[in-house]
């Protein structure tokens, strides 16, 4: 990565689930990314990530993420992101993904990745 380039601001949908947790570990270790926004259900939204999640991985919860406030998975919550990764369950991923795709096409930012 060019020393002048800033890290890409990453958002993670479904951040409190196991797939979201794996995204957190991988992105936190990568100097090309800065975790900018974490999205989860309304049950978790508004809480610090460390309080909202039941951490299941053997890797430690990255300190840089533990105090981030969890947001809902609404497009407006991710406008500052360059890229968004989704660990959402398939039952809701399609609807949220379509909303985000429209948002990102309109503002010409990043891309939407679904696993």
Foldseek 3Di string as FASTA:
>chain_A
DPPPDQAFAEEEAQLQDPVNVVVQVVQVPDRNYDDHAYAYAPQQAQAFSLVRHDDDDPDDRDPSRRRDGYHHLALVRCPRGQEYEYPDDPVCCVVSVVRNVVVCVVVVGHDYHYD
